N, C-alpha and C. Protein backbone atom coordinates (compact mmCIF):
# COMPACT_ATOMS: atom_id res chain seq x y z
N UNK A 1 8.13 4.44 12.29
CA UNK A 1 6.95 4.23 13.12
C UNK A 1 5.71 4.73 12.38
N UNK A 2 4.63 4.02 12.60
CA UNK A 2 3.36 4.34 11.96
C UNK A 2 2.30 4.46 13.05
N UNK A 3 1.43 5.45 12.92
CA UNK A 3 0.35 5.59 13.91
C UNK A 3 -0.78 4.64 13.53
N UNK A 4 -1.14 3.76 14.44
CA UNK A 4 -2.20 2.78 14.21
C UNK A 4 -3.47 3.22 14.92
N UNK A 5 -4.51 3.46 14.14
CA UNK A 5 -5.80 3.88 14.70
C UNK A 5 -6.48 2.77 15.50
N UNK A 6 -6.08 1.54 15.26
CA UNK A 6 -6.70 0.43 15.98
C UNK A 6 -6.36 0.44 17.46
N UNK A 7 -5.14 0.88 17.77
CA UNK A 7 -4.72 0.93 19.17
C UNK A 7 -4.36 2.34 19.62
N UNK A 8 -4.53 3.31 18.71
CA UNK A 8 -4.24 4.72 18.98
C UNK A 8 -2.82 4.90 19.53
N UNK A 9 -1.88 4.26 18.84
CA UNK A 9 -0.48 4.31 19.25
C UNK A 9 0.41 4.05 18.04
N UNK A 10 1.69 4.35 18.17
CA UNK A 10 2.63 4.08 17.10
C UNK A 10 3.07 2.63 17.13
N UNK A 11 3.22 2.06 15.94
CA UNK A 11 3.70 0.68 15.80
C UNK A 11 4.80 0.66 14.75
N UNK A 12 5.57 -0.40 14.73
CA UNK A 12 6.65 -0.54 13.75
C UNK A 12 6.06 -0.82 12.37
N UNK A 13 6.87 -0.58 11.36
CA UNK A 13 6.44 -0.86 10.00
C UNK A 13 6.12 -2.32 9.78
N UNK A 14 6.91 -3.20 10.39
CA UNK A 14 6.65 -4.63 10.21
C UNK A 14 5.33 -5.05 10.86
N UNK A 15 5.01 -4.48 12.03
CA UNK A 15 3.71 -4.78 12.65
C UNK A 15 2.58 -4.25 11.79
N UNK A 16 2.78 -3.08 11.22
CA UNK A 16 1.76 -2.48 10.36
C UNK A 16 1.48 -3.37 9.15
N UNK A 17 2.52 -3.89 8.55
CA UNK A 17 2.36 -4.76 7.38
C UNK A 17 1.57 -6.01 7.75
N UNK A 18 1.89 -6.60 8.88
CA UNK A 18 1.19 -7.82 9.30
C UNK A 18 -0.29 -7.53 9.57
N UNK A 19 -0.58 -6.42 10.25
CA UNK A 19 -1.98 -6.06 10.52
C UNK A 19 -2.70 -5.80 9.20
N UNK A 20 -2.04 -5.13 8.26
CA UNK A 20 -2.65 -4.88 6.95
C UNK A 20 -2.93 -6.19 6.22
N UNK A 21 -2.01 -7.13 6.29
CA UNK A 21 -2.22 -8.42 5.64
C UNK A 21 -3.39 -9.18 6.25
N UNK A 22 -3.58 -9.05 7.54
CA UNK A 22 -4.75 -9.66 8.19
C UNK A 22 -6.02 -8.96 7.70
N UNK A 23 -6.00 -7.65 7.64
CA UNK A 23 -7.17 -6.89 7.18
C UNK A 23 -7.53 -7.26 5.75
N UNK A 24 -6.53 -7.57 4.94
CA UNK A 24 -6.75 -7.97 3.55
C UNK A 24 -7.00 -9.47 3.39
N UNK A 25 -7.14 -10.18 4.51
CA UNK A 25 -7.38 -11.62 4.51
C UNK A 25 -6.26 -12.43 3.86
N UNK A 26 -5.05 -11.90 3.92
CA UNK A 26 -3.89 -12.63 3.41
C UNK A 26 -3.27 -13.49 4.51
N UNK A 27 -3.51 -13.12 5.77
CA UNK A 27 -3.06 -13.88 6.93
C UNK A 27 -4.25 -14.10 7.84
N UNK A 28 -4.19 -15.14 8.64
CA UNK A 28 -5.25 -15.40 9.61
C UNK A 28 -5.18 -14.39 10.75
N UNK A 29 -6.32 -14.13 11.37
CA UNK A 29 -6.40 -13.18 12.47
C UNK A 29 -5.50 -13.57 13.64
N UNK A 30 -5.17 -14.83 13.74
CA UNK A 30 -4.30 -15.28 14.83
C UNK A 30 -2.86 -14.76 14.68
N UNK A 31 -2.55 -14.17 13.53
CA UNK A 31 -1.21 -13.64 13.29
C UNK A 31 -0.94 -12.33 14.04
N UNK A 32 -2.01 -11.70 14.52
CA UNK A 32 -1.83 -10.42 15.22
C UNK A 32 -2.32 -10.52 16.66
N UNK A 33 -1.79 -9.65 17.48
CA UNK A 33 -2.16 -9.58 18.89
C UNK A 33 -3.63 -9.16 19.00
N UNK A 34 -4.28 -9.62 20.03
CA UNK A 34 -5.70 -9.31 20.24
C UNK A 34 -5.98 -7.82 20.39
N UNK A 35 -4.95 -7.04 20.80
CA UNK A 35 -5.16 -5.60 20.98
C UNK A 35 -5.53 -4.92 19.66
N UNK A 36 -5.15 -5.49 18.53
CA UNK A 36 -5.50 -4.92 17.24
C UNK A 36 -6.92 -5.28 16.80
N UNK A 37 -7.54 -6.25 17.47
CA UNK A 37 -8.86 -6.74 17.07
C UNK A 37 -9.97 -6.31 18.02
N UNK A 38 -9.69 -5.38 18.92
CA UNK A 38 -10.69 -4.95 19.91
C UNK A 38 -11.89 -4.29 19.23
N UNK A 39 -11.62 -3.43 18.27
CA UNK A 39 -12.70 -2.74 17.57
C UNK A 39 -13.35 -3.71 16.60
N UNK A 40 -14.68 -3.76 16.64
CA UNK A 40 -15.44 -4.74 15.85
C UNK A 40 -15.12 -4.65 14.36
N UNK A 41 -14.97 -3.45 13.85
CA UNK A 41 -14.71 -3.25 12.42
C UNK A 41 -13.23 -2.96 12.15
N UNK A 42 -12.34 -3.66 12.86
CA UNK A 42 -10.92 -3.38 12.77
C UNK A 42 -10.36 -3.51 11.36
N UNK A 43 -10.89 -4.43 10.58
CA UNK A 43 -10.38 -4.60 9.22
C UNK A 43 -10.70 -3.38 8.36
N UNK A 44 -11.90 -2.87 8.48
CA UNK A 44 -12.28 -1.69 7.70
C UNK A 44 -11.51 -0.45 8.15
N UNK A 45 -11.31 -0.32 9.46
CA UNK A 45 -10.53 0.80 9.98
C UNK A 45 -9.12 0.74 9.40
N UNK A 46 -8.53 -0.43 9.39
CA UNK A 46 -7.19 -0.61 8.85
C UNK A 46 -7.16 -0.30 7.35
N UNK A 47 -8.12 -0.81 6.61
CA UNK A 47 -8.15 -0.58 5.16
C UNK A 47 -8.31 0.89 4.81
N UNK A 48 -8.93 1.66 5.68
CA UNK A 48 -9.14 3.09 5.42
C UNK A 48 -8.01 3.97 5.97
N UNK A 49 -7.03 3.36 6.59
CA UNK A 49 -5.90 4.10 7.15
C UNK A 49 -5.00 4.60 6.02
N UNK A 50 -4.41 5.78 6.22
CA UNK A 50 -3.52 6.33 5.19
C UNK A 50 -2.26 5.49 5.02
N UNK A 51 -1.93 4.65 5.97
CA UNK A 51 -0.75 3.81 5.87
C UNK A 51 -1.03 2.43 5.25
N UNK A 52 -2.29 2.11 5.04
CA UNK A 52 -2.63 0.83 4.41
C UNK A 52 -2.13 0.89 2.97
N UNK A 53 -1.37 -0.10 2.58
CA UNK A 53 -0.73 -0.15 1.24
C UNK A 53 0.26 0.99 1.03
N UNK A 54 0.82 1.48 2.12
CA UNK A 54 1.80 2.58 2.06
C UNK A 54 3.09 2.10 1.40
N UNK A 55 3.62 2.94 0.54
CA UNK A 55 4.91 2.64 -0.09
C UNK A 55 5.82 3.84 0.07
N UNK A 56 7.02 3.60 0.59
CA UNK A 56 7.99 4.68 0.70
C UNK A 56 8.52 5.02 -0.69
N UNK A 57 8.76 6.29 -0.89
CA UNK A 57 9.27 6.72 -2.19
C UNK A 57 10.77 6.76 -2.19
């Protein structure tokens, strides 16, 4: 589980990856639920998250 600042809740790793891909413009915004897009600067918030581009060791 990863804490997502966009919704102030924990989300699965797979959801986190999809939201990150949208923030990086690799996927269209329609790929994620609207709850992740409520904040106007959601892409920047996501890009600045410690879990963005996270890799397990």
